[in-house]
């Protein structure tokens, strides 16, 4: 399947006649952030943060249900991804920058705080918000993304270190972007093939995500998440002389697909050491893409928690 070249005027849901969301963008100091929103404008704000290598579309099953429940849902393209700005410097993708975009977006919609939901790398940003900006986070929900204190301790184990090889690979200049783009971004098929139930993540879903990833600058932008956060975390390790402590006191839901090729199941239990108010929902048969494979159960858990 050839990758269609999209312009900023052609969103990846252009074929929806009655899409349950609208597109918008917000201009901040150094970036423009693209988002879709749904639900009543005066409802409690819920910000949805996607992971690698995706965009706002990853939440298209959850957005309508959350909106129907009365939430003002905002699913953003994080900086570097899809239709949002892509700063050139890897230093512009540290957790403070990524979390700052979320805080700016909350303020853009007239709020002082919001409920935050993050998957994968978006979960890392959600954890950072819960630790550093707890006053702006009413409730937190994270899907298959480990708290960095937990992750740091598990990187000392061979089991998790072997699964995290790609984090080191993404620190290399230019080569990761070349690998991601080669053969018309064919890697998208290998990322999902064999790890996700094809009935849960359709060919159409993968094509939409691939088209968004193929936008100029996006491969470098999203790989820069790993470079920016990697450099920041290395400094944190040096400063703390070991794994830093990041306690989170916000009421938190952790949804975890246990058949995750990148993360060992043993990570889950240790989260109780760092989160004061934690509810865990395990999905033994689900992969890393739990919000696709267990969409109804995950959506119900989010509605109950949020």
C-alpha atoms as a PDB file:
ATOM      1  CA  UNK A   1       0.000   0.000   0.000  1.00  0.00           C
ATOM      2  CA  UNK A   2       1.541   3.338  -0.998  1.00  0.00           C
ATOM      3  CA  UNK A   3       1.668   6.081   1.590  1.00  0.00           C
ATOM      4  CA  UNK A   4      -0.432   9.048   0.570  1.00  0.00           C
ATOM      5  CA  UNK A   5       1.258  12.426   0.943  1.00  0.00           C
ATOM      6  CA  UNK A   6      -0.898  14.587   3.184  1.00  0.00           C
ATOM      7  CA  UNK A   7      -0.934  18.335   3.559  1.00  0.00           C
ATOM      8  CA  UNK A   8      -1.868  20.117   6.758  1.00  0.00           C
ATOM      9  CA  UNK A   9      -5.278  20.796   5.204  1.00  0.00           C
ATOM     10  CA  UNK A  10      -6.004  17.085   4.878  1.00  0.00           C
ATOM     11  CA  UNK A  11      -6.566  15.542   8.313  1.00  0.00           C
ATOM     12  CA  UNK A  12      -6.418  11.777   8.552  1.00  0.00           C
ATOM     13  CA  UNK A  13     -10.167  11.596   9.208  1.00  0.00           C
ATOM     14  CA  UNK A  14     -11.032  13.545   6.048  1.00  0.00           C
ATOM     15  CA  UNK A  15     -13.346  10.765   4.859  1.00  0.00           C
ATOM     16  CA  UNK A  16     -15.587  11.087   7.933  1.00  0.00           C
ATOM     17  CA  UNK A  17     -18.822  12.860   7.064  1.00  0.00           C
ATOM     18  CA  UNK A  18     -20.081  12.954  10.638  1.00  0.00           C
ATOM     19  CA  UNK A  19     -16.933  12.743  12.717  1.00  0.00           C
ATOM     20  CA  UNK A  20     -17.752  13.034  16.440  1.00  0.00           C
ATOM     21  CA  UNK A  21     -14.943  15.562  16.926  1.00  0.00           C
ATOM     22  CA  UNK A  22     -13.637  18.793  15.484  1.00  0.00           C
ATOM     23  CA  UNK A  23     -10.073  19.790  14.656  1.00  0.00           C
ATOM     24  CA  UNK A  24      -8.297  22.801  16.074  1.00  0.00           C
ATOM     25  CA  UNK A  25      -4.893  24.190  16.909  1.00  0.00           C
ATOM     26  CA  UNK A  26      -3.402  26.398  19.594  1.00  0.00           C
ATOM     27  CA  UNK A  27      -0.339  28.599  19.191  1.00  0.00           C
ATOM     28  CA  UNK A  28       2.031  28.821  22.125  1.00  0.00           C
ATOM     29  CA  UNK A  29       5.476  30.407  22.525  1.00  0.00           C
ATOM     30  CA  UNK A  30       7.475  27.944  20.441  1.00  0.00           C
ATOM     31  CA  UNK A  31       4.959  25.479  19.001  1.00  0.00           C
ATOM     32  CA  UNK A  32       1.550  25.104  17.440  1.00  0.00           C
ATOM     33  CA  UNK A  33      -0.330  22.149  18.891  1.00  0.00           C
ATOM     34  CA  UNK A  34      -2.955  20.370  16.814  1.00  0.00           C
ATOM     35  CA  UNK A  35      -5.817  18.642  18.606  1.00  0.00           C
ATOM     36  CA  UNK A  36      -9.263  17.224  18.152  1.00  0.00           C
ATOM     37  CA  UNK A  37     -11.967  17.941  20.687  1.00  0.00           C
ATOM     38  CA  UNK A  38     -15.372  16.512  21.462  1.00  0.00           C
ATOM     39  CA  UNK A  39     -18.025  16.830  24.136  1.00  0.00           C
ATOM     40  CA  UNK A  40     -19.481  19.862  25.933  1.00  0.00           C
ATOM     41  CA  UNK A  41     -17.123  22.838  26.108  1.00  0.00           C
ATOM     42  CA  UNK A  42     -18.115  23.413  29.737  1.00  0.00           C
ATOM     43  CA  UNK A  43     -17.500  19.796  30.777  1.00  0.00           C
ATOM     44  CA  UNK A  44     -14.518  18.625  32.832  1.00  0.00           C
ATOM     45  CA  UNK A  45     -11.425  18.649  30.605  1.00  0.00           C
ATOM     46  CA  UNK A  46      -9.839  15.315  29.735  1.00  0.00           C
ATOM     47  CA  UNK A  47      -6.545  15.465  27.825  1.00  0.00           C
ATOM     48  CA  UNK A  48      -5.520  12.320  25.907  1.00  0.00           C
ATOM     49  CA  UNK A  49      -1.805  11.817  25.204  1.00  0.00           C
ATOM     50  CA  UNK A  50      -0.728   9.344  22.522  1.00  0.00           C
ATOM     51  CA  UNK A  51       2.453   7.312  22.334  1.00  0.00           C
ATOM     52  CA  UNK A  52       5.022   6.258  19.740  1.00  0.00           C
ATOM     53  CA  UNK A  53       4.625   6.046  16.766  1.00  0.00           C
ATOM     54  CA  UNK A  54       1.099   7.368  16.804  1.00  0.00           C
ATOM     55  CA  UNK A  55      -1.019  10.511  16.974  1.00  0.00           C
ATOM     56  CA  UNK A  56      -4.418  11.564  18.306  1.00  0.00           C
ATOM     57  CA  UNK A  57      -6.126   8.879  16.180  1.00  0.00           C
ATOM     58  CA  UNK A  58      -5.023   6.198  18.651  1.00  0.00           C
ATOM     59  CA  UNK A  59      -7.897   7.375  20.905  1.00  0.00           C
ATOM     60  CA  UNK A  60     -10.664   7.307  18.308  1.00  0.00           C
ATOM     61  CA  UNK A  61     -12.514   4.534  20.166  1.00  0.00           C
ATOM     62  CA  UNK A  62     -12.395   6.358  23.502  1.00  0.00           C
ATOM     63  CA  UNK A  63     -13.160   9.923  22.378  1.00  0.00           C
ATOM     64  CA  UNK A  64     -16.898   9.459  21.627  1.00  0.00           C
ATOM     65  CA  UNK A  65     -17.596   7.537  24.851  1.00  0.00           C
ATOM     66  CA  UNK A  66     -15.845  10.110  27.026  1.00  0.00           C
ATOM     67  CA  UNK A  67     -17.627  12.948  25.222  1.00  0.00           C
ATOM     68  CA  UNK A  68     -21.021  11.269  25.632  1.00  0.00           C
ATOM     69  CA  UNK A  69     -20.311  10.995  29.361  1.00  0.00           C
ATOM     70  CA  UNK A  70     -20.080  14.787  29.538  1.00  0.00           C
ATOM     71  CA  UNK A  71     -16.322  15.333  29.393  1.00  0.00           C
ATOM     72  CA  UNK A  72     -14.671  17.981  27.267  1.00  0.00           C
ATOM     73  CA  UNK A  73     -12.245  15.667  25.492  1.00  0.00           C
ATOM     74  CA  UNK A  74      -9.051  17.012  23.958  1.00  0.00           C
ATOM     75  CA  UNK A  75      -6.836  14.523  22.105  1.00  0.00           C
ATOM     76  CA  UNK A  76      -3.639  16.304  21.116  1.00  0.00           C
ATOM     77  CA  UNK A  77      -0.825  15.597  18.708  1.00  0.00           C
ATOM     78  CA  UNK A  78       2.203  15.999  20.934  1.00  0.00           C
ATOM     79  CA  UNK A  79       4.959  18.253  19.630  1.00  0.00           C
ATOM     80  CA  UNK A  80       6.892  16.448  16.936  1.00  0.00           C
ATOM     81  CA  UNK A  81       3.925  14.348  15.819  1.00  0.00           C
ATOM     82  CA  UNK A  82       1.497  14.563  12.912  1.00  0.00           C
ATOM     83  CA  UNK A  83       0.155  18.124  12.540  1.00  0.00           C
ATOM     84  CA  UNK A  84       1.829  19.756  15.548  1.00  0.00           C
ATOM     85  CA  UNK A  85       5.061  21.754  15.329  1.00  0.00           C
ATOM     86  CA  UNK A  86       8.388  19.964  15.200  1.00  0.00           C
ATOM     87  CA  UNK A  87      11.191  21.945  16.863  1.00  0.00           C
ATOM     88  CA  UNK A  88      14.587  21.080  15.427  1.00  0.00           C
ATOM     89  CA  UNK A  89      16.548  20.659  18.648  1.00  0.00           C
ATOM     90  CA  UNK A  90      16.327  17.418  20.626  1.00  0.00           C
ATOM     91  CA  UNK A  91      16.586  19.589  23.732  1.00  0.00           C
ATOM     92  CA  UNK A  92      13.110  20.926  22.932  1.00  0.00           C
ATOM     93  CA  UNK A  93      11.582  17.506  23.674  1.00  0.00           C
ATOM     94  CA  UNK A  94      12.417  17.042  27.339  1.00  0.00           C
ATOM     95  CA  UNK A  95       9.588  16.173  29.730  1.00  0.00           C
ATOM     96  CA  UNK A  96       9.196  19.766  30.896  1.00  0.00           C
ATOM     97  CA  UNK A  97       8.578  20.905  27.313  1.00  0.00           C
ATOM     98  CA  UNK A  98       6.169  18.058  26.557  1.00  0.00           C
ATOM     99  CA  UNK A  99       4.292  18.556  29.827  1.00  0.00           C
ATOM    100  CA  UNK A 100       4.319  22.320  29.319  1.00  0.00           C
ATOM    101  CA  UNK A 101       2.354  21.911  26.093  1.00  0.00           C
ATOM    102  CA  UNK A 102      -0.337  20.059  28.042  1.00  0.00           C
ATOM    103  CA  UNK A 103      -0.502  22.792  30.682  1.00  0.00           C
ATOM    104  CA  UNK A 104      -0.723  25.445  27.959  1.00  0.00           C
ATOM    105  CA  UNK A 105      -3.511  23.517  26.251  1.00  0.00           C
ATOM    106  CA  UNK A 106      -5.494  23.263  29.498  1.00  0.00           C
ATOM    107  CA  UNK A 107      -5.161  27.024  29.919  1.00  0.00           C
ATOM    108  CA  UNK A 108      -6.130  27.508  26.268  1.00  0.00           C
ATOM    109  CA  UNK A 109      -9.497  25.922  27.067  1.00  0.00           C
ATOM    110  CA  UNK A 110      -9.974  28.082  30.146  1.00  0.00           C
ATOM    111  CA  UNK A 111      -9.052  25.447  32.715  1.00  0.00           C
ATOM    112  CA  UNK A 112      -6.605  25.369  35.588  1.00  0.00           C
ATOM    113  CA  UNK A 113      -6.535  21.602  35.869  1.00  0.00           C
ATOM    114  CA  UNK A 114      -7.665  18.521  33.964  1.00  0.00           C
ATOM    115  CA  UNK A 115      -7.890  14.767  33.962  1.00  0.00           C
ATOM    116  CA  UNK A 116      -4.910  13.327  32.099  1.00  0.00           C
ATOM    117  CA  UNK A 117      -4.778  10.038  30.178  1.00  0.00           C
ATOM    118  CA  UNK A 118      -1.570   8.791  28.557  1.00  0.00           C
ATOM    119  CA  UNK A 119      -0.443   5.696  26.678  1.00  0.00           C
ATOM    120  CA  UNK A 120       3.152   4.661  25.999  1.00  0.00           C
ATOM    121  CA  UNK A 121       5.259   7.847  25.680  1.00  0.00           C
ATOM    122  CA  UNK A 122       2.173   9.910  26.448  1.00  0.00           C
ATOM    123  CA  UNK A 123       2.062   7.990  29.712  1.00  0.00           C
ATOM    124  CA  UNK A 124       5.578   9.190  30.528  1.00  0.00           C
ATOM    125  CA  UNK A 125       4.387  12.769  30.063  1.00  0.00           C
ATOM    126  CA  UNK A 126       1.345  12.021  32.222  1.00  0.00           C
ATOM    127  CA  UNK A 127       3.574  10.646  35.017  1.00  0.00           C
ATOM    128  CA  UNK A 128       5.728  13.782  34.837  1.00  0.00           C
ATOM    129  CA  UNK A 129       2.670  15.984  35.131  1.00  0.00           C
ATOM    130  CA  UNK A 130       1.446  13.964  38.111  1.00  0.00           C
ATOM    131  CA  UNK A 131       4.760  14.393  39.905  1.00  0.00           C
ATOM    132  CA  UNK A 132       5.792  17.959  39.002  1.00  0.00           C
ATOM    133  CA  UNK A 133       2.403  19.608  38.369  1.00  0.00           C
ATOM    134  CA  UNK A 134       0.022  17.694  40.614  1.00  0.00           C
ATOM    135  CA  UNK A 135      -2.015  20.863  41.172  1.00  0.00           C
ATOM    136  CA  UNK A 136      -2.978  20.767  37.486  1.00  0.00           C
ATOM    137  CA  UNK A 137      -3.896  17.063  37.459  1.00  0.00           C
ATOM    138  CA  UNK A 138      -7.248  16.114  38.966  1.00  0.00           C
ATOM    139  CA  UNK A 139      -6.966  12.441  38.064  1.00  0.00           C
ATOM    140  CA  UNK A 140      -4.410  10.415  36.178  1.00  0.00           C
ATOM    141  CA  UNK A 141      -4.801   7.347  33.970  1.00  0.00           C
ATOM    142  CA  UNK A 142      -1.829   5.615  32.363  1.00  0.00           C
ATOM    143  CA  UNK A 143      -1.835   2.722  29.879  1.00  0.00           C
ATOM    144  CA  UNK A 144       1.240   0.508  29.432  1.00  0.00           C
ATOM    145  CA  UNK A 145       3.763   3.119  30.397  1.00  0.00           C
ATOM    146  CA  UNK A 146       5.916   2.612  33.495  1.00  0.00           C
ATOM    147  CA  UNK A 147       6.552   5.252  36.118  1.00  0.00           C
ATOM    148  CA  UNK A 148      10.182   6.331  35.610  1.00  0.00           C
ATOM    149  CA  UNK A 149      11.272   5.391  39.136  1.00  0.00           C
ATOM    150  CA  UNK A 150       9.934   1.878  38.576  1.00  0.00           C
ATOM    151  CA  UNK A 151      11.372   1.691  35.070  1.00  0.00           C
ATOM    152  CA  UNK A 152      14.780   2.884  36.255  1.00  0.00           C
ATOM    153  CA  UNK A 153      15.041   0.115  38.823  1.00  0.00           C
ATOM    154  CA  UNK A 154      13.956  -2.533  36.323  1.00  0.00           C
ATOM    155  CA  UNK A 155      16.549  -1.410  33.782  1.00  0.00           C
ATOM    156  CA  UNK A 156      19.052  -3.126  36.067  1.00  0.00           C
ATOM    157  CA  UNK A 157      17.432  -6.465  35.147  1.00  0.00           C
ATOM    158  CA  UNK A 158      18.419  -8.308  31.987  1.00  0.00           C
ATOM    159  CA  UNK A 159      14.771  -9.055  31.154  1.00  0.00           C
ATOM    160  CA  UNK A 160      13.772  -5.397  30.870  1.00  0.00           C
ATOM    161  CA  UNK A 161      17.103  -4.200  29.509  1.00  0.00           C
ATOM    162  CA  UNK A 162      16.760  -6.574  26.560  1.00  0.00           C
ATOM    163  CA  UNK A 163      13.279  -5.245  25.809  1.00  0.00           C
ATOM    164  CA  UNK A 164      14.448  -1.621  25.965  1.00  0.00           C
ATOM    165  CA  UNK A 165      17.125  -1.886  23.260  1.00  0.00           C
ATOM    166  CA  UNK A 166      15.305   0.586  21.013  1.00  0.00           C
ATOM    167  CA  UNK A 167      15.695   3.415  23.553  1.00  0.00           C
ATOM    168  CA  UNK A 168      19.466   3.299  23.062  1.00  0.00           C
ATOM    169  CA  UNK A 169      19.071   2.891  19.297  1.00  0.00           C
ATOM    170  CA  UNK A 170      16.993   6.076  19.113  1.00  0.00           C
ATOM    171  CA  UNK A 171      19.867   8.088  20.590  1.00  0.00           C
ATOM    172  CA  UNK A 172      21.874   7.577  17.368  1.00  0.00           C
ATOM    173  CA  UNK A 173      21.673  10.551  14.969  1.00  0.00           C
ATOM    174  CA  UNK A 174      19.724  10.167  11.696  1.00  0.00           C
ATOM    175  CA  UNK A 175      19.882   6.381  11.360  1.00  0.00           C
ATOM    176  CA  UNK A 176      16.631   5.679  13.288  1.00  0.00           C
ATOM    177  CA  UNK A 177      14.729   8.124  11.090  1.00  0.00           C
ATOM    178  CA  UNK A 178      16.114   6.464   7.961  1.00  0.00           C
ATOM    179  CA  UNK A 179      15.098   3.052   9.272  1.00  0.00           C
ATOM    180  CA  UNK A 180      11.590   4.214  10.098  1.00  0.00           C
ATOM    181  CA  UNK A 181      11.051   5.822   6.673  1.00  0.00           C
ATOM    182  CA  UNK A 182      12.613   3.180   4.423  1.00  0.00           C
ATOM    183  CA  UNK A 183      10.428   1.186   2.045  1.00  0.00           C
ATOM    184  CA  UNK A 184       7.546   3.635   2.357  1.00  0.00           C
ATOM    185  CA  UNK A 185       7.374   3.359   6.158  1.00  0.00           C
ATOM    186  CA  UNK A 186       6.921  -0.394   5.914  1.00  0.00           C
ATOM    187  CA  UNK A 187       8.019  -0.706   9.532  1.00  0.00           C
ATOM    188  CA  UNK A 188       4.464   0.137  10.569  1.00  0.00           C
ATOM    189  CA  UNK A 189       3.366  -3.306   9.486  1.00  0.00           C
ATOM    190  CA  UNK A 190       6.115  -4.954  11.545  1.00  0.00           C
ATOM    191  CA  UNK A 191       5.408  -2.796  14.608  1.00  0.00           C
ATOM    192  CA  UNK A 192       1.855  -4.074  14.855  1.00  0.00           C
ATOM    193  CA  UNK A 193       2.001  -7.360  12.948  1.00  0.00           C
ATOM    194  CA  UNK A 194       1.965 -10.309  15.318  1.00  0.00           C
ATOM    195  CA  UNK A 195       1.628  -8.172  18.444  1.00  0.00           C
ATOM    196  CA  UNK A 196      -1.897  -6.830  18.025  1.00  0.00           C
ATOM    197  CA  UNK A 197      -5.126  -8.667  17.320  1.00  0.00           C
ATOM    198  CA  UNK A 198      -5.906  -7.707  13.683  1.00  0.00           C
ATOM    199  CA  UNK A 199      -9.591  -7.478  14.582  1.00  0.00           C
ATOM    200  CA  UNK A 200      -8.699  -4.789  17.114  1.00  0.00           C
ATOM    201  CA  UNK A 201      -6.273  -2.749  15.029  1.00  0.00           C
ATOM    202  CA  UNK A 202      -7.476  -2.754  11.452  1.00  0.00           C
ATOM    203  CA  UNK A 203      -5.555  -2.188   8.250  1.00  0.00           C
ATOM    204  CA  UNK A 204      -7.331   1.158   8.021  1.00  0.00           C
ATOM    205  CA  UNK A 205      -6.111   2.125  11.493  1.00  0.00           C
ATOM    206  CA  UNK A 206      -2.519   1.254  10.626  1.00  0.00           C
ATOM    207  CA  UNK A 207      -2.714   3.149   7.343  1.00  0.00           C
ATOM    208  CA  UNK A 208      -4.049   6.260   9.068  1.00  0.00           C
ATOM    209  CA  UNK A 209      -1.264   6.122  11.639  1.00  0.00           C
ATOM    210  CA  UNK A 210       1.314   5.566   8.928  1.00  0.00           C
ATOM    211  CA  UNK A 211       0.043   8.509   6.885  1.00  0.00           C
ATOM    212  CA  UNK A 212       0.270  10.740   9.946  1.00  0.00           C
ATOM    213  CA  UNK A 213       3.799   9.511  10.672  1.00  0.00           C
ATOM    214  CA  UNK A 214       4.815  10.185   7.049  1.00  0.00           C
ATOM    215  CA  UNK A 215       4.304  13.924   7.401  1.00  0.00           C
ATOM    216  CA  UNK A 216       7.555  15.831   6.829  1.00  0.00           C
ATOM    217  CA  UNK A 217       9.595  16.065  10.017  1.00  0.00           C
ATOM    218  CA  UNK A 218       7.527  13.632  12.053  1.00  0.00           C
ATOM    219  CA  UNK A 219      10.033  10.737  12.181  1.00  0.00           C
ATOM    220  CA  UNK A 220      12.708  13.039  13.606  1.00  0.00           C
ATOM    221  CA  UNK A 221      10.202  14.779  15.859  1.00  0.00           C
ATOM    222  CA  UNK A 222       8.991  11.645  17.616  1.00  0.00           C
ATOM    223  CA  UNK A 223      12.441  10.055  17.822  1.00  0.00           C
ATOM    224  CA  UNK A 224      13.509  13.304  19.484  1.00  0.00           C
ATOM    225  CA  UNK A 225      11.131  12.455  22.331  1.00  0.00           C
ATOM    226  CA  UNK A 226      13.520   9.648  23.228  1.00  0.00           C
ATOM    227  CA  UNK A 227      16.594  11.799  22.720  1.00  0.00           C
ATOM    228  CA  UNK A 228      15.271  14.720  24.752  1.00  0.00           C
ATOM    229  CA  UNK A 229      13.948  12.617  27.611  1.00  0.00           C
ATOM    230  CA  UNK A 230      16.979  10.303  27.480  1.00  0.00           C
ATOM    231  CA  UNK A 231      19.385  13.189  27.999  1.00  0.00           C
ATOM    232  CA  UNK A 232      17.210  14.647  30.722  1.00  0.00           C
ATOM    233  CA  UNK A 233      16.979  11.306  32.529  1.00  0.00           C
ATOM    234  CA  UNK A 234      20.741  10.789  32.324  1.00  0.00           C
ATOM    235  CA  UNK A 235      21.192  14.125  34.110  1.00  0.00           C
ATOM    236  CA  UNK A 236      18.596  13.101  36.690  1.00  0.00           C
ATOM    237  CA  UNK A 237      20.419   9.831  37.353  1.00  0.00           C
ATOM    238  CA  UNK A 238      23.688  11.720  37.851  1.00  0.00           C
ATOM    239  CA  UNK A 239      22.070  14.314  40.100  1.00  0.00           C
ATOM    240  CA  UNK A 240      20.391  11.670  42.283  1.00  0.00           C
ATOM    241  CA  UNK A 241      23.433   9.359  42.229  1.00  0.00           C
ATOM    242  CA  UNK A 242      21.029   6.586  41.337  1.00  0.00           C
ATOM    243  CA  UNK A 243      17.426   6.112  40.272  1.00  0.00           C
ATOM    244  CA  UNK A 244      15.540   9.326  41.145  1.00  0.00           C
ATOM    245  CA  UNK A 245      12.367   9.267  43.198  1.00  0.00           C
ATOM    246  CA  UNK A 246       9.210  10.696  41.656  1.00  0.00           C
ATOM    247  CA  UNK A 247       6.268  10.135  44.026  1.00  0.00           C
ATOM    248  CA  UNK A 248       2.776  10.781  42.644  1.00  0.00           C
ATOM    249  CA  UNK A 249      -0.107  11.645  44.971  1.00  0.00           C
ATOM    250  CA  UNK A 250      -2.795  12.094  42.317  1.00  0.00           C
ATOM    251  CA  UNK A 251      -5.539   9.408  42.165  1.00  0.00           C
ATOM    252  CA  UNK A 252      -4.236   7.113  39.436  1.00  0.00           C
ATOM    253  CA  UNK A 253      -5.542   4.289  37.270  1.00  0.00           C
ATOM    254  CA  UNK A 254      -2.945   2.002  35.674  1.00  0.00           C
ATOM    255  CA  UNK A 255      -4.222  -0.178  32.818  1.00  0.00           C
ATOM    256  CA  UNK A 256      -1.734  -2.833  31.754  1.00  0.00           C
ATOM    257  CA  UNK A 257      -1.742  -5.276  28.871  1.00  0.00           C
ATOM    258  CA  UNK A 258       0.536  -8.005  30.182  1.00  0.00           C
ATOM    259  CA  UNK A 259       1.496  -9.440  26.782  1.00  0.00           C
ATOM    260  CA  UNK A 260       3.698  -6.409  26.111  1.00  0.00           C
ATOM    261  CA  UNK A 261       6.823  -7.070  24.044  1.00  0.00           C
ATOM    262  CA  UNK A 262       8.550  -3.911  25.338  1.00  0.00           C
ATOM    263  CA  UNK A 263       7.709  -4.061  29.049  1.00  0.00           C
ATOM    264  CA  UNK A 264       7.938  -6.932  31.521  1.00  0.00           C
ATOM    265  CA  UNK A 265       4.795  -7.710  33.603  1.00  0.00           C
ATOM    266  CA  UNK A 266       6.854  -7.460  36.808  1.00  0.00           C
ATOM    267  CA  UNK A 267       6.871  -3.682  36.411  1.00  0.00           C
ATOM    268  CA  UNK A 268       3.252  -3.396  37.502  1.00  0.00           C
ATOM    269  CA  UNK A 269       3.420  -4.409  41.160  1.00  0.00           C
ATOM    270  CA  UNK A 270       6.216  -1.969  41.997  1.00  0.00           C
ATOM    271  CA  UNK A 271       4.037   1.029  41.123  1.00  0.00           C
ATOM    272  CA  UNK A 272       2.417   0.794  44.544  1.00  0.00           C
ATOM    273  CA  UNK A 273       5.711   2.012  46.015  1.00  0.00           C
ATOM    274  CA  UNK A 274       5.466   5.358  44.214  1.00  0.00           C
ATOM    275  CA  UNK A 275       1.770   6.153  43.781  1.00  0.00           C
ATOM    276  CA  UNK A 276      -0.188   6.853  46.925  1.00  0.00           C
ATOM    277  CA  UNK A 277      -3.655   6.307  45.439  1.00  0.00           C
ATOM    278  CA  UNK A 278      -3.378   3.610  42.782  1.00  0.00           C
ATOM    279  CA  UNK A 279      -5.871   1.312  41.094  1.00  0.00           C
ATOM    280  CA  UNK A 280      -4.492  -1.329  38.727  1.00  0.00           C
ATOM    281  CA  UNK A 281      -6.425  -3.051  35.951  1.00  0.00           C
ATOM    282  CA  UNK A 282      -4.520  -5.962  34.382  1.00  0.00           C
ATOM    283  CA  UNK A 283      -5.345  -7.416  30.982  1.00  0.00           C
ATOM    284  CA  UNK A 284      -3.463 -10.736  30.684  1.00  0.00           C
ATOM    285  CA  UNK A 285      -4.283 -11.363  27.016  1.00  0.00           C
ATOM    286  CA  UNK A 286      -3.715  -7.817  25.782  1.00  0.00           C
ATOM    287  CA  UNK A 287      -0.541  -6.444  24.238  1.00  0.00           C
ATOM    288  CA  UNK A 288       1.053  -3.001  24.543  1.00  0.00           C
ATOM    289  CA  UNK A 289      -1.909  -1.628  22.563  1.00  0.00           C
ATOM    290  CA  UNK A 290      -4.402  -2.395  25.299  1.00  0.00           C
ATOM    291  CA  UNK A 291      -6.757   0.473  24.398  1.00  0.00           C
ATOM    292  CA  UNK A 292      -7.339  -1.193  21.004  1.00  0.00           C
ATOM    293  CA  UNK A 293      -7.514  -4.826  22.049  1.00  0.00           C
ATOM    294  CA  UNK A 294      -9.562  -4.256  25.215  1.00  0.00           C
ATOM    295  CA  UNK A 295     -11.267  -1.093  24.034  1.00  0.00           C
ATOM    296  CA  UNK A 296     -14.584  -1.640  25.827  1.00  0.00           C
ATOM    297  CA  UNK A 297     -13.049  -2.669  29.148  1.00  0.00           C
ATOM    298  CA  UNK A 298     -10.433   0.092  29.042  1.00  0.00           C
ATOM    299  CA  UNK A 299     -13.027   2.712  28.138  1.00  0.00           C
ATOM    300  CA  UNK A 300     -15.278   1.518  30.980  1.00  0.00           C
ATOM    301  CA  UNK A 301     -12.351   1.702  33.419  1.00  0.00           C
ATOM    302  CA  UNK A 302     -11.504   5.218  32.255  1.00  0.00           C
ATOM    303  CA  UNK A 303     -15.094   6.363  32.621  1.00  0.00           C
ATOM    304  CA  UNK A 304     -15.302   4.897  36.112  1.00  0.00           C
ATOM    305  CA  UNK A 305     -12.001   6.465  37.194  1.00  0.00           C
ATOM    306  CA  UNK A 306     -12.329   9.855  35.541  1.00  0.00           C
END
